[in-house]
Amino acid sequence: MAWRSSGASNAALITNLAGNGLITTERVKKAMLGVDRAHYAPSSPYEDSPQRIGYSATISAPHMHASACESLLRFLSPGARVLDVGSGSGYLTHVLANLVGSEGKVIGVDHIQGLVDLAESNMGKSAAGRELLASGRVRFVKADGRKGWSEGGPYDAIHVGAAAAEAHGPLIEQLKAPGRMFIPVAENLSQFIWVYDKKEDGSVKKMRSFGVQYVPLTDAPAER
């Protein structure tokens, strides 16, 4: 149903995602309604498809953002700390900040300074976004996302927005117990979403979910 979810406005897009069963909770619906995708996608913002944002990066399709939020929702309680690896345009970082509320904190990590600057610029297009940045509830940093960002951890939830060759150990280490990570992992010529749950005793359970197609989680061009 993803391809049928596009709309003429942000509200229409979100309403269609909910109507097609891709958004299943009111919390996620409200959080996504609160972020105008036009501030983050340079063209066709209300199409349910990925869009290029420069630097060989994309903003994922809205239905993938909805899926990530629904999967992580149990760990996105008010006051939660969240790491968004491969934050790109900053869109999902903003949605996640809406979900964790005024006492929560979300850190967006990207390996290209231009994307860090882009995310901050995009978030600055709305009063709500400017307040998130000014208050410190959202912060964007340039770093190798495969190593996470230990300074802000441990995290209740970690979202990875690019395909990893593996579930990198530092990310799992930076999860709270309990906590959850949503990550696309490359397997041969395919990619699948994996959900990693860290239990209260520190043990980790992983579950393979659906097939996807993401850009790879890699070094910045100058670092190769």
N, C-alpha and C. Protein backbone atom coordinates (compact mmCIF):
# COMPACT_ATOMS: atom_id res chain seq x y z
N MET A 1 0.81 -1.21 0.00
CA MET A 1 0.00 0.00 0.00
C MET A 1 0.85 1.27 0.00
N ALA A 2 2.18 1.11 0.16
CA ALA A 2 3.03 2.28 0.28
C ALA A 2 2.88 3.21 -0.92
N TRP A 3 2.84 2.63 -2.12
CA TRP A 3 2.80 3.45 -3.33
C TRP A 3 1.49 4.21 -3.48
N ARG A 4 0.48 3.86 -2.69
CA ARG A 4 -0.80 4.54 -2.76
C ARG A 4 -0.94 5.62 -1.69
N SER A 5 0.09 5.87 -0.94
CA SER A 5 -0.03 6.74 0.22
C SER A 5 0.35 8.19 -0.05
N SER A 6 0.85 8.51 -1.24
CA SER A 6 1.22 9.88 -1.54
C SER A 6 0.01 10.80 -1.40
N GLY A 7 0.27 12.07 -1.12
CA GLY A 7 -0.82 13.03 -0.95
C GLY A 7 -0.44 14.39 -1.50
N ALA A 8 -1.41 15.29 -1.51
CA ALA A 8 -1.18 16.65 -2.01
C ALA A 8 -0.66 17.57 -0.92
N SER A 9 -0.67 17.12 0.31
CA SER A 9 -0.20 17.91 1.44
C SER A 9 0.39 16.97 2.49
N ASN A 10 1.04 17.53 3.48
CA ASN A 10 1.60 16.70 4.54
C ASN A 10 0.49 15.95 5.26
N ALA A 11 -0.60 16.65 5.56
CA ALA A 11 -1.71 16.01 6.26
C ALA A 11 -2.30 14.87 5.44
N ALA A 12 -2.41 15.07 4.12
CA ALA A 12 -2.96 14.02 3.26
C ALA A 12 -2.04 12.81 3.22
N LEU A 13 -0.74 13.06 3.15
CA LEU A 13 0.24 11.96 3.15
C LEU A 13 0.11 11.12 4.41
N ILE A 14 0.08 11.78 5.57
CA ILE A 14 0.02 11.05 6.83
C ILE A 14 -1.32 10.34 6.98
N THR A 15 -2.39 10.99 6.56
CA THR A 15 -3.71 10.36 6.61
C THR A 15 -3.74 9.11 5.74
N ASN A 16 -3.12 9.18 4.57
CA ASN A 16 -3.09 8.02 3.68
C ASN A 16 -2.23 6.89 4.25
N LEU A 17 -1.11 7.24 4.86
CA LEU A 17 -0.27 6.22 5.50
C LEU A 17 -1.05 5.49 6.59
N ALA A 18 -1.82 6.25 7.36
CA ALA A 18 -2.64 5.64 8.41
C ALA A 18 -3.76 4.80 7.81
N GLY A 19 -4.39 5.32 6.78
CA GLY A 19 -5.49 4.60 6.15
C GLY A 19 -5.05 3.30 5.51
N ASN A 20 -3.79 3.25 5.07
CA ASN A 20 -3.26 2.04 4.46
C ASN A 20 -2.58 1.11 5.46
N GLY A 21 -2.71 1.43 6.75
CA GLY A 21 -2.16 0.55 7.78
C GLY A 21 -0.67 0.65 7.99
N LEU A 22 -0.04 1.69 7.43
CA LEU A 22 1.40 1.86 7.57
C LEU A 22 1.75 2.67 8.82
N ILE A 23 0.83 3.50 9.26
CA ILE A 23 0.87 4.10 10.59
C ILE A 23 -0.25 3.46 11.37
N THR A 24 0.06 2.91 12.54
CA THR A 24 -0.95 2.14 13.27
C THR A 24 -1.28 2.73 14.64
N THR A 25 -0.57 3.77 15.07
CA THR A 25 -0.85 4.36 16.38
C THR A 25 -1.06 5.86 16.26
N GLU A 26 -1.85 6.41 17.16
CA GLU A 26 -2.11 7.84 17.16
C GLU A 26 -0.85 8.63 17.51
N ARG A 27 0.00 8.07 18.36
CA ARG A 27 1.23 8.78 18.73
C ARG A 27 2.12 9.03 17.52
N VAL A 28 2.31 8.01 16.71
CA VAL A 28 3.15 8.18 15.53
C VAL A 28 2.48 9.11 14.53
N LYS A 29 1.18 8.97 14.36
CA LYS A 29 0.45 9.84 13.44
C LYS A 29 0.60 11.30 13.85
N LYS A 30 0.41 11.59 15.12
CA LYS A 30 0.52 12.96 15.62
C LYS A 30 1.94 13.49 15.45
N ALA A 31 2.94 12.65 15.75
CA ALA A 31 4.33 13.09 15.63
C ALA A 31 4.69 13.43 14.20
N MET A 32 4.20 12.63 13.24
CA MET A 32 4.51 12.89 11.83
C MET A 32 3.70 14.05 11.28
N LEU A 33 2.49 14.23 11.77
CA LEU A 33 1.71 15.40 11.36
C LEU A 33 2.39 16.69 11.81
N GLY A 34 3.15 16.60 12.88
CA GLY A 34 3.81 17.78 13.43
C GLY A 34 5.08 18.20 12.72
N VAL A 35 5.47 17.48 11.68
CA VAL A 35 6.69 17.81 10.93
C VAL A 35 6.34 17.88 9.44
N ASP A 36 6.44 19.07 8.87
CA ASP A 36 6.14 19.23 7.44
C ASP A 36 7.32 18.70 6.63
N ARG A 37 7.07 17.64 5.89
CA ARG A 37 8.16 17.01 5.13
C ARG A 37 8.74 17.94 4.06
N ALA A 38 7.97 18.97 3.68
CA ALA A 38 8.47 19.93 2.69
C ALA A 38 9.69 20.69 3.19
N HIS A 39 9.87 20.76 4.51
CA HIS A 39 11.05 21.42 5.06
C HIS A 39 12.30 20.56 4.93
N TYR A 40 12.13 19.29 4.60
CA TYR A 40 13.25 18.35 4.62
C TYR A 40 13.50 17.67 3.27
N ALA A 41 12.51 17.63 2.40
CA ALA A 41 12.66 16.99 1.09
C ALA A 41 12.66 18.08 0.02
N PRO A 42 13.66 18.13 -0.84
CA PRO A 42 13.78 19.24 -1.80
C PRO A 42 12.76 19.22 -2.92
N SER A 43 12.21 18.06 -3.22
CA SER A 43 11.21 17.98 -4.30
C SER A 43 10.22 16.87 -3.98
N SER A 44 9.00 17.03 -4.46
CA SER A 44 7.94 16.04 -4.26
C SER A 44 7.89 15.54 -2.82
N PRO A 45 7.80 16.44 -1.85
CA PRO A 45 7.91 16.04 -0.44
C PRO A 45 6.78 15.14 0.04
N TYR A 46 5.63 15.18 -0.63
CA TYR A 46 4.49 14.41 -0.14
C TYR A 46 4.27 13.12 -0.92
N GLU A 47 5.25 12.75 -1.73
CA GLU A 47 5.22 11.44 -2.38
C GLU A 47 5.77 10.40 -1.41
N ASP A 48 5.17 9.22 -1.40
CA ASP A 48 5.66 8.16 -0.53
C ASP A 48 6.78 7.41 -1.24
N SER A 49 7.89 8.13 -1.41
CA SER A 49 9.06 7.56 -2.09
C SER A 49 10.29 8.28 -1.57
N PRO A 50 11.46 7.64 -1.67
CA PRO A 50 12.69 8.31 -1.25
C PRO A 50 13.02 9.46 -2.19
N GLN A 51 13.74 10.46 -1.67
CA GLN A 51 14.15 11.62 -2.47
C GLN A 51 15.63 11.89 -2.24
N ARG A 52 16.33 12.28 -3.29
CA ARG A 52 17.74 12.62 -3.15
C ARG A 52 17.90 13.95 -2.42
N ILE A 53 18.89 14.04 -1.54
CA ILE A 53 19.13 15.28 -0.80
C ILE A 53 20.56 15.78 -0.97
N GLY A 54 21.31 15.18 -1.91
CA GLY A 54 22.69 15.58 -2.12
C GLY A 54 23.66 14.70 -1.36
N TYR A 55 24.94 14.82 -1.70
CA TYR A 55 26.01 14.06 -1.04
C TYR A 55 25.78 12.54 -1.16
N SER A 56 25.14 12.11 -2.26
CA SER A 56 24.83 10.69 -2.50
C SER A 56 23.93 10.11 -1.42
N ALA A 57 23.17 10.96 -0.77
CA ALA A 57 22.26 10.53 0.30
C ALA A 57 20.81 10.74 -0.12
N THR A 58 19.92 10.09 0.59
CA THR A 58 18.49 10.23 0.34
C THR A 58 17.74 10.43 1.65
N ILE A 59 16.54 10.99 1.53
CA ILE A 59 15.58 10.94 2.62
C ILE A 59 14.68 9.74 2.33
N SER A 60 14.54 8.85 3.28
CA SER A 60 13.77 7.63 3.06
C SER A 60 12.31 7.93 2.78
N ALA A 61 11.62 6.97 2.20
CA ALA A 61 10.19 7.12 1.95
C ALA A 61 9.44 7.26 3.27
N PRO A 62 8.37 8.04 3.29
CA PRO A 62 7.60 8.22 4.53
C PRO A 62 7.14 6.93 5.18
N HIS A 63 6.79 5.92 4.37
CA HIS A 63 6.32 4.67 4.99
C HIS A 63 7.44 3.97 5.76
N MET A 64 8.70 4.19 5.34
CA MET A 64 9.81 3.61 6.09
C MET A 64 10.02 4.35 7.41
N HIS A 65 9.86 5.66 7.38
CA HIS A 65 9.94 6.42 8.63
C HIS A 65 8.84 5.99 9.59
N ALA A 66 7.64 5.78 9.05
CA ALA A 66 6.53 5.32 9.89
C ALA A 66 6.83 3.96 10.49
N SER A 67 7.38 3.06 9.68
CA SER A 67 7.71 1.72 10.16
C SER A 67 8.74 1.77 11.28
N ALA A 68 9.75 2.61 11.12
CA ALA A 68 10.78 2.73 12.15
C ALA A 68 10.19 3.25 13.46
N CYS A 69 9.35 4.27 13.36
CA CYS A 69 8.74 4.84 14.57
C CYS A 69 7.84 3.84 15.26
N GLU A 70 7.05 3.12 14.49
CA GLU A 70 6.15 2.13 15.10
C GLU A 70 6.95 1.01 15.78
N SER A 71 8.04 0.60 15.15
CA SER A 71 8.87 -0.47 15.73
C SER A 71 9.52 -0.02 17.03
N LEU A 72 9.98 1.22 17.08
CA LEU A 72 10.70 1.73 18.24
C LEU A 72 9.79 2.32 19.31
N LEU A 73 8.49 2.42 19.02
CA LEU A 73 7.59 3.23 19.83
C LEU A 73 7.60 2.88 21.32
N ARG A 74 7.67 1.61 21.64
CA ARG A 74 7.64 1.19 23.05
C ARG A 74 8.82 1.77 23.83
N PHE A 75 9.88 2.13 23.12
CA PHE A 75 11.08 2.66 23.77
C PHE A 75 11.20 4.17 23.61
N LEU A 76 10.18 4.79 23.03
CA LEU A 76 10.18 6.23 22.80
C LEU A 76 9.25 6.92 23.78
N SER A 77 9.37 6.57 25.04
CA SER A 77 8.55 7.18 26.08
C SER A 77 9.00 8.62 26.32
N PRO A 78 8.13 9.46 26.90
CA PRO A 78 8.55 10.82 27.24
C PRO A 78 9.82 10.80 28.09
N GLY A 79 10.80 11.59 27.68
CA GLY A 79 12.07 11.64 28.40
C GLY A 79 13.13 10.69 27.89
N ALA A 80 12.81 9.87 26.89
CA ALA A 80 13.77 8.90 26.35
C ALA A 80 14.91 9.60 25.61
N ARG A 81 16.03 8.90 25.53
CA ARG A 81 17.18 9.36 24.76
C ARG A 81 17.31 8.48 23.52
N VAL A 82 17.50 9.14 22.38
CA VAL A 82 17.47 8.44 21.09
C VAL A 82 18.68 8.84 20.26
N LEU A 83 19.25 7.87 19.55
CA LEU A 83 20.33 8.11 18.60
C LEU A 83 19.82 7.82 17.20
N ASP A 84 19.97 8.80 16.30
CA ASP A 84 19.55 8.65 14.90
C ASP A 84 20.81 8.64 14.04
N VAL A 85 21.24 7.45 13.64
CA VAL A 85 22.47 7.29 12.87
C VAL A 85 22.16 7.45 11.38
N GLY A 86 22.95 8.28 10.70
CA GLY A 86 22.64 8.59 9.31
C GLY A 86 21.45 9.51 9.24
N SER A 87 21.50 10.58 10.02
CA SER A 87 20.33 11.45 10.18
C SER A 87 19.98 12.24 8.93
N GLY A 88 20.93 12.40 8.01
CA GLY A 88 20.61 12.96 6.70
C GLY A 88 19.92 14.30 6.75
N SER A 89 18.70 14.35 6.23
CA SER A 89 17.94 15.60 6.14
C SER A 89 17.52 16.13 7.49
N GLY A 90 17.46 15.27 8.50
CA GLY A 90 16.99 15.67 9.82
C GLY A 90 15.51 15.42 10.06
N TYR A 91 14.80 14.94 9.04
CA TYR A 91 13.35 14.76 9.17
C TYR A 91 12.98 13.79 10.29
N LEU A 92 13.52 12.58 10.24
CA LEU A 92 13.13 11.60 11.24
C LEU A 92 13.61 12.02 12.63
N THR A 93 14.74 12.71 12.70
CA THR A 93 15.22 13.22 13.98
C THR A 93 14.17 14.11 14.62
N HIS A 94 13.53 14.95 13.81
CA HIS A 94 12.47 15.84 14.29
C HIS A 94 11.26 15.03 14.76
N VAL A 95 10.86 14.03 13.98
CA VAL A 95 9.72 13.19 14.37
C VAL A 95 10.02 12.47 15.68
N LEU A 96 11.21 11.92 15.81
CA LEU A 96 11.59 11.22 17.04
C LEU A 96 11.57 12.17 18.23
N ALA A 97 12.00 13.41 18.03
CA ALA A 97 11.96 14.40 19.11
C ALA A 97 10.52 14.68 19.54
N ASN A 98 9.61 14.71 18.59
CA ASN A 98 8.19 14.88 18.94
C ASN A 98 7.72 13.72 19.81
N LEU A 99 8.19 12.53 19.52
CA LEU A 99 7.73 11.34 20.25
C LEU A 99 8.26 11.28 21.68
N VAL A 100 9.46 11.77 21.91
CA VAL A 100 10.03 11.66 23.26
C VAL A 100 9.75 12.88 24.13
N GLY A 101 9.15 13.91 23.55
CA GLY A 101 8.63 15.02 24.34
C GLY A 101 9.68 15.98 24.88
N SER A 102 9.20 16.88 25.72
CA SER A 102 10.03 18.01 26.17
C SER A 102 11.19 17.60 27.06
N GLU A 103 11.12 16.42 27.67
CA GLU A 103 12.21 15.96 28.53
C GLU A 103 13.15 14.99 27.82
N GLY A 104 12.82 14.64 26.57
CA GLY A 104 13.65 13.70 25.83
C GLY A 104 14.76 14.39 25.07
N LYS A 105 15.64 13.60 24.48
CA LYS A 105 16.74 14.14 23.69
C LYS A 105 17.05 13.20 22.54
N VAL A 106 17.29 13.80 21.36
CA VAL A 106 17.63 13.02 20.17
C VAL A 106 18.92 13.57 19.58
N ILE A 107 19.85 12.69 19.32
CA ILE A 107 21.12 13.08 18.69
C ILE A 107 21.16 12.47 17.29
N GLY A 108 21.33 13.33 16.30
CA GLY A 108 21.47 12.89 14.92
C GLY A 108 22.94 12.87 14.55
N VAL A 109 23.39 11.76 14.00
CA VAL A 109 24.80 11.59 13.62
C VAL A 109 24.90 11.39 12.12
N ASP A 110 25.78 12.14 11.48
CA ASP A 110 26.08 11.89 10.07
C ASP A 110 27.56 12.08 9.85
N HIS A 111 28.09 11.41 8.83
CA HIS A 111 29.53 11.42 8.60
C HIS A 111 29.98 12.50 7.63
N ILE A 112 29.05 13.28 7.13
CA ILE A 112 29.37 14.35 6.18
C ILE A 112 28.91 15.68 6.78
N GLN A 113 29.83 16.62 6.90
CA GLN A 113 29.49 17.90 7.52
C GLN A 113 28.38 18.62 6.76
N GLY A 114 28.37 18.48 5.44
CA GLY A 114 27.32 19.12 4.65
C GLY A 114 25.94 18.63 5.02
N LEU A 115 25.81 17.36 5.39
CA LEU A 115 24.51 16.83 5.80
C LEU A 115 24.15 17.28 7.22
N VAL A 116 25.14 17.40 8.08
CA VAL A 116 24.89 17.95 9.42
C VAL A 116 24.36 19.38 9.29
N ASP A 117 25.01 20.17 8.43
CA ASP A 117 24.58 21.55 8.21
C ASP A 117 23.19 21.59 7.58
N LEU A 118 22.94 20.67 6.65
CA LEU A 118 21.63 20.63 5.99
C LEU A 118 20.53 20.33 7.00
N ALA A 119 20.76 19.36 7.87
CA ALA A 119 19.75 18.99 8.86
C ALA A 119 19.43 20.17 9.77
N GLU A 120 20.46 20.88 10.21
CA GLU A 120 20.23 22.04 11.07
C GLU A 120 19.47 23.13 10.32
N SER A 121 19.83 23.34 9.06
CA SER A 121 19.14 24.34 8.25
C SER A 121 17.68 23.96 8.04
N ASN A 122 17.43 22.70 7.73
CA ASN A 122 16.05 22.24 7.53
C ASN A 122 15.22 22.41 8.79
N MET A 123 15.79 22.03 9.93
CA MET A 123 15.06 22.14 11.18
C MET A 123 14.78 23.60 11.53
N GLY A 124 15.64 24.48 11.09
CA GLY A 124 15.45 25.90 11.34
C GLY A 124 14.35 26.54 10.53
N LYS A 125 13.72 25.79 9.63
CA LYS A 125 12.65 26.34 8.80
C LYS A 125 11.32 26.46 9.54
N SER A 126 11.21 25.85 10.70
CA SER A 126 9.96 25.93 11.48
C SER A 126 10.27 26.42 12.88
N ALA A 127 9.30 27.08 13.50
CA ALA A 127 9.48 27.56 14.87
C ALA A 127 9.72 26.40 15.82
N ALA A 128 8.99 25.29 15.61
CA ALA A 128 9.17 24.12 16.47
C ALA A 128 10.57 23.55 16.33
N GLY A 129 11.07 23.51 15.10
CA GLY A 129 12.41 23.00 14.87
C GLY A 129 13.47 23.89 15.50
N ARG A 130 13.30 25.19 15.38
CA ARG A 130 14.26 26.12 15.98
C ARG A 130 14.29 25.95 17.50
N GLU A 131 13.14 25.72 18.09
CA GLU A 131 13.07 25.53 19.54
C GLU A 131 13.77 24.24 19.95
N LEU A 132 13.62 23.19 19.16
CA LEU A 132 14.30 21.92 19.46
C LEU A 132 15.81 22.11 19.48
N LEU A 133 16.33 22.86 18.52
CA LEU A 133 17.77 23.09 18.46
C LEU A 133 18.23 23.99 19.61
N ALA A 134 17.48 25.06 19.84
CA ALA A 134 17.88 26.03 20.87
C ALA A 134 17.86 25.42 22.27
N SER A 135 16.91 24.52 22.50
CA SER A 135 16.77 23.90 23.82
C SER A 135 17.75 22.77 24.06
N GLY A 136 18.39 22.30 22.99
CA GLY A 136 19.29 21.16 23.11
C GLY A 136 18.60 19.82 23.07
N ARG A 137 17.28 19.83 22.84
CA ARG A 137 16.55 18.56 22.75
C ARG A 137 16.94 17.79 21.50
N VAL A 138 17.41 18.51 20.48
CA VAL A 138 17.96 17.88 19.27
C VAL A 138 19.35 18.45 19.04
N ARG A 139 20.27 17.57 18.72
CA ARG A 139 21.63 17.98 18.40
C ARG A 139 22.12 17.13 17.24
N PHE A 140 22.77 17.78 16.28
CA PHE A 140 23.37 17.06 15.15
C PHE A 140 24.89 17.12 15.28
N VAL A 141 25.54 15.97 15.06
CA VAL A 141 27.00 15.91 15.16
C VAL A 141 27.58 15.17 13.97
N LYS A 142 28.80 15.55 13.59
CA LYS A 142 29.53 14.84 12.54
C LYS A 142 30.38 13.76 13.19
N ALA A 143 30.13 12.53 12.81
CA ALA A 143 30.88 11.41 13.38
C ALA A 143 30.63 10.17 12.53
N ASP A 144 31.45 9.16 12.74
CA ASP A 144 31.26 7.85 12.10
C ASP A 144 30.12 7.14 12.82
N GLY A 145 28.96 7.09 12.19
CA GLY A 145 27.79 6.51 12.83
C GLY A 145 27.94 5.06 13.22
N ARG A 146 28.86 4.35 12.58
CA ARG A 146 29.08 2.95 12.92
C ARG A 146 29.62 2.80 14.34
N LYS A 147 30.18 3.89 14.85
CA LYS A 147 30.70 3.89 16.22
C LYS A 147 29.73 4.52 17.21
N GLY A 148 28.56 4.94 16.69
CA GLY A 148 27.58 5.57 17.55
C GLY A 148 28.04 6.93 18.04
N TRP A 149 27.54 7.32 19.21
CA TRP A 149 27.95 8.58 19.85
C TRP A 149 27.81 8.36 21.35
N SER A 150 28.89 7.83 21.93
CA SER A 150 28.82 7.40 23.33
C SER A 150 28.57 8.54 24.30
N GLU A 151 28.95 9.74 23.91
CA GLU A 151 28.80 10.91 24.77
C GLU A 151 27.35 11.12 25.21
N GLY A 152 26.41 10.79 24.33
CA GLY A 152 25.00 11.03 24.66
C GLY A 152 24.27 9.81 25.18
N GLY A 153 24.96 8.67 25.26
CA GLY A 153 24.30 7.43 25.64
C GLY A 153 24.27 7.20 27.13
N PRO A 154 23.74 6.06 27.55
CA PRO A 154 23.12 5.04 26.69
C PRO A 154 21.75 5.49 26.19
N TYR A 155 21.29 4.84 25.13
CA TYR A 155 20.07 5.24 24.43
C TYR A 155 18.95 4.22 24.62
N ASP A 156 17.76 4.74 24.81
CA ASP A 156 16.58 3.88 24.86
C ASP A 156 16.29 3.27 23.50
N ALA A 157 16.57 4.04 22.44
CA ALA A 157 16.30 3.59 21.08
C ALA A 157 17.38 4.11 20.15
N ILE A 158 17.76 3.28 19.18
CA ILE A 158 18.70 3.67 18.14
C ILE A 158 18.08 3.36 16.80
N HIS A 159 18.05 4.36 15.92
CA HIS A 159 17.59 4.17 14.55
C HIS A 159 18.79 4.34 13.63
N VAL A 160 18.95 3.43 12.69
CA VAL A 160 20.02 3.53 11.70
C VAL A 160 19.37 3.70 10.33
N GLY A 161 19.74 4.78 9.64
CA GLY A 161 19.08 5.12 8.39
C GLY A 161 19.87 4.79 7.15
N ALA A 162 20.87 3.92 7.26
CA ALA A 162 21.63 3.46 6.10
C ALA A 162 22.01 2.01 6.35
N ALA A 163 22.24 1.28 5.26
CA ALA A 163 22.48 -0.16 5.38
C ALA A 163 23.89 -0.44 5.87
N ALA A 164 23.97 -1.18 6.96
CA ALA A 164 25.25 -1.56 7.55
C ALA A 164 25.68 -2.93 7.06
N ALA A 165 26.98 -3.17 7.06
CA ALA A 165 27.49 -4.50 6.72
C ALA A 165 27.23 -5.48 7.85
N GLU A 166 27.03 -4.93 9.05
CA GLU A 166 26.77 -5.74 10.24
C GLU A 166 26.15 -4.82 11.28
N ALA A 167 25.63 -5.41 12.35
CA ALA A 167 25.15 -4.61 13.47
C ALA A 167 26.36 -4.27 14.33
N HIS A 168 26.92 -3.10 14.14
CA HIS A 168 28.19 -2.74 14.75
C HIS A 168 28.11 -2.76 16.27
N GLY A 169 29.12 -3.39 16.87
CA GLY A 169 29.16 -3.59 18.32
C GLY A 169 28.97 -2.33 19.14
N PRO A 170 29.61 -1.20 18.78
CA PRO A 170 29.44 0.00 19.58
C PRO A 170 27.98 0.46 19.68
N LEU A 171 27.20 0.24 18.63
CA LEU A 171 25.80 0.63 18.68
C LEU A 171 25.04 -0.21 19.70
N ILE A 172 25.28 -1.51 19.69
CA ILE A 172 24.62 -2.39 20.66
C ILE A 172 25.07 -2.05 22.08
N GLU A 173 26.35 -1.74 22.22
CA GLU A 173 26.87 -1.37 23.55
C GLU A 173 26.20 -0.11 24.08
N GLN A 174 25.86 0.81 23.19
CA GLN A 174 25.29 2.08 23.61
C GLN A 174 23.78 2.02 23.84
N LEU A 175 23.17 0.87 23.60
CA LEU A 175 21.76 0.68 23.93
C LEU A 175 21.58 0.52 25.43
N LYS A 176 20.54 1.13 25.96
CA LYS A 176 20.17 0.87 27.35
C LYS A 176 19.65 -0.56 27.47
N ALA A 177 19.58 -1.03 28.69
CA ALA A 177 18.97 -2.33 28.97
C ALA A 177 17.76 -2.08 29.89
N PRO A 178 16.55 -2.12 29.35
CA PRO A 178 16.17 -2.52 28.00
C PRO A 178 16.28 -1.38 26.98
N GLY A 179 16.43 -1.75 25.73
CA GLY A 179 16.48 -0.80 24.63
C GLY A 179 16.32 -1.53 23.31
N ARG A 180 16.10 -0.78 22.25
CA ARG A 180 15.87 -1.39 20.93
C ARG A 180 16.60 -0.61 19.84
N MET A 181 17.14 -1.36 18.87
CA MET A 181 17.76 -0.77 17.68
C MET A 181 17.06 -1.28 16.43
N PHE A 182 16.79 -0.36 15.51
CA PHE A 182 16.17 -0.64 14.22
C PHE A 182 17.23 -0.34 13.17
N ILE A 183 17.69 -1.38 12.44
CA ILE A 183 18.84 -1.20 11.55
C ILE A 183 18.70 -2.04 10.28
N PRO A 184 18.92 -1.44 9.10
CA PRO A 184 19.00 -2.22 7.87
C PRO A 184 20.39 -2.84 7.74
N VAL A 185 20.44 -4.12 7.45
CA VAL A 185 21.72 -4.83 7.34
C VAL A 185 21.81 -5.50 5.98
N ALA A 186 22.94 -5.32 5.31
CA ALA A 186 23.16 -5.94 4.01
C ALA A 186 23.53 -7.40 4.18
N GLU A 187 22.88 -8.25 3.39
CA GLU A 187 23.17 -9.69 3.40
C GLU A 187 23.33 -10.14 1.96
N ASN A 188 24.58 -10.39 1.56
CA ASN A 188 24.87 -10.72 0.16
C ASN A 188 24.36 -9.60 -0.73
N LEU A 189 23.41 -9.86 -1.61
CA LEU A 189 22.90 -8.83 -2.51
C LEU A 189 21.58 -8.24 -2.01
N SER A 190 21.17 -8.63 -0.83
CA SER A 190 19.90 -8.16 -0.27
C SER A 190 20.13 -7.34 0.99
N GLN A 191 19.08 -6.66 1.41
CA GLN A 191 19.09 -5.92 2.68
C GLN A 191 17.81 -6.24 3.43
N PHE A 192 17.94 -6.34 4.74
CA PHE A 192 16.77 -6.59 5.59
C PHE A 192 16.83 -5.70 6.82
N ILE A 193 15.65 -5.32 7.30
CA ILE A 193 15.58 -4.65 8.59
C ILE A 193 15.76 -5.69 9.69
N TRP A 194 16.67 -5.40 10.61
CA TRP A 194 16.84 -6.21 11.80
C TRP A 194 16.48 -5.37 13.02
N VAL A 195 15.81 -5.99 13.96
CA VAL A 195 15.47 -5.34 15.22
C VAL A 195 16.25 -6.04 16.32
N TYR A 196 17.06 -5.27 17.03
CA TYR A 196 17.86 -5.79 18.14
C TYR A 196 17.26 -5.30 19.45
N ASP A 197 16.90 -6.21 20.32
CA ASP A 197 16.38 -5.87 21.64
C ASP A 197 17.40 -6.25 22.71
N LYS A 198 17.80 -5.26 23.50
CA LYS A 198 18.65 -5.54 24.65
C LYS A 198 17.75 -5.69 25.87
N LYS A 199 17.84 -6.83 26.52
CA LYS A 199 16.99 -7.12 27.67
C LYS A 199 17.56 -6.47 28.94
N GLU A 200 16.78 -6.48 30.00
CA GLU A 200 17.21 -5.87 31.26
C GLU A 200 18.48 -6.51 31.81
N ASP A 201 18.68 -7.80 31.51
CA ASP A 201 19.89 -8.47 32.00
C ASP A 201 21.09 -8.27 31.08
N GLY A 202 20.90 -7.46 30.01
CA GLY A 202 21.99 -7.17 29.09
C GLY A 202 22.10 -8.11 27.92
N SER A 203 21.32 -9.19 27.92
CA SER A 203 21.33 -10.11 26.78
C SER A 203 20.66 -9.44 25.58
N VAL A 204 21.02 -9.89 24.39
CA VAL A 204 20.52 -9.27 23.17
C VAL A 204 19.80 -10.31 22.31
N LYS A 205 18.60 -9.96 21.89
CA LYS A 205 17.83 -10.80 20.99
C LYS A 205 17.66 -10.05 19.68
N LYS A 206 17.84 -10.74 18.56
CA LYS A 206 17.69 -10.09 17.26
C LYS A 206 16.64 -10.81 16.42
N MET A 207 15.95 -10.02 15.59
CA MET A 207 14.91 -10.58 14.75
C MET A 207 14.98 -9.93 13.37
N ARG A 208 15.02 -10.77 12.33
CA ARG A 208 15.01 -10.24 10.97
C ARG A 208 13.59 -9.95 10.55
N SER A 209 13.40 -8.76 9.97
CA SER A 209 12.07 -8.35 9.54
C SER A 209 11.99 -8.35 8.02
N PHE A 210 11.60 -7.26 7.41
CA PHE A 210 11.30 -7.23 5.98
C PHE A 210 12.48 -6.74 5.15
N GLY A 211 12.43 -7.03 3.85
CA GLY A 211 13.46 -6.59 2.92
C GLY A 211 13.33 -5.12 2.59
N VAL A 212 14.48 -4.46 2.39
CA VAL A 212 14.51 -3.02 2.12
C VAL A 212 15.62 -2.71 1.12
N GLN A 213 15.72 -1.44 0.75
CA GLN A 213 16.82 -0.98 -0.09
C GLN A 213 17.26 0.39 0.40
N TYR A 214 18.39 0.44 1.07
CA TYR A 214 18.94 1.68 1.62
C TYR A 214 20.30 1.97 1.00
N VAL A 215 20.73 3.23 1.06
CA VAL A 215 22.11 3.55 0.70
C VAL A 215 23.00 2.97 1.80
N PRO A 216 24.26 2.64 1.49
CA PRO A 216 25.13 2.00 2.48
C PRO A 216 25.64 2.97 3.54
N LEU A 217 25.90 2.42 4.71
CA LEU A 217 26.54 3.15 5.81
C LEU A 217 28.04 3.04 5.58
N THR A 218 28.67 4.16 5.16
CA THR A 218 30.06 4.11 4.71
C THR A 218 30.87 5.26 5.30
N ASP A 219 32.15 5.27 4.94
CA ASP A 219 33.01 6.40 5.27
C ASP A 219 32.58 7.61 4.45
N ALA A 220 32.90 8.79 4.96
CA ALA A 220 32.74 10.00 4.16
C ALA A 220 33.70 9.93 2.99
N PRO A 221 33.37 10.55 1.83
CA PRO A 221 34.24 10.45 0.65
C PRO A 221 35.69 10.80 0.92
N ALA A 222 35.95 11.83 1.72
CA ALA A 222 37.33 12.26 1.97
C ALA A 222 38.09 11.29 2.84
N GLU A 223 37.36 10.37 3.49
CA GLU A 223 38.01 9.44 4.41
C GLU A 223 38.42 8.14 3.74
N ARG A 224 38.01 7.93 2.51
CA ARG A 224 38.30 6.67 1.85
C ARG A 224 39.75 6.60 1.39
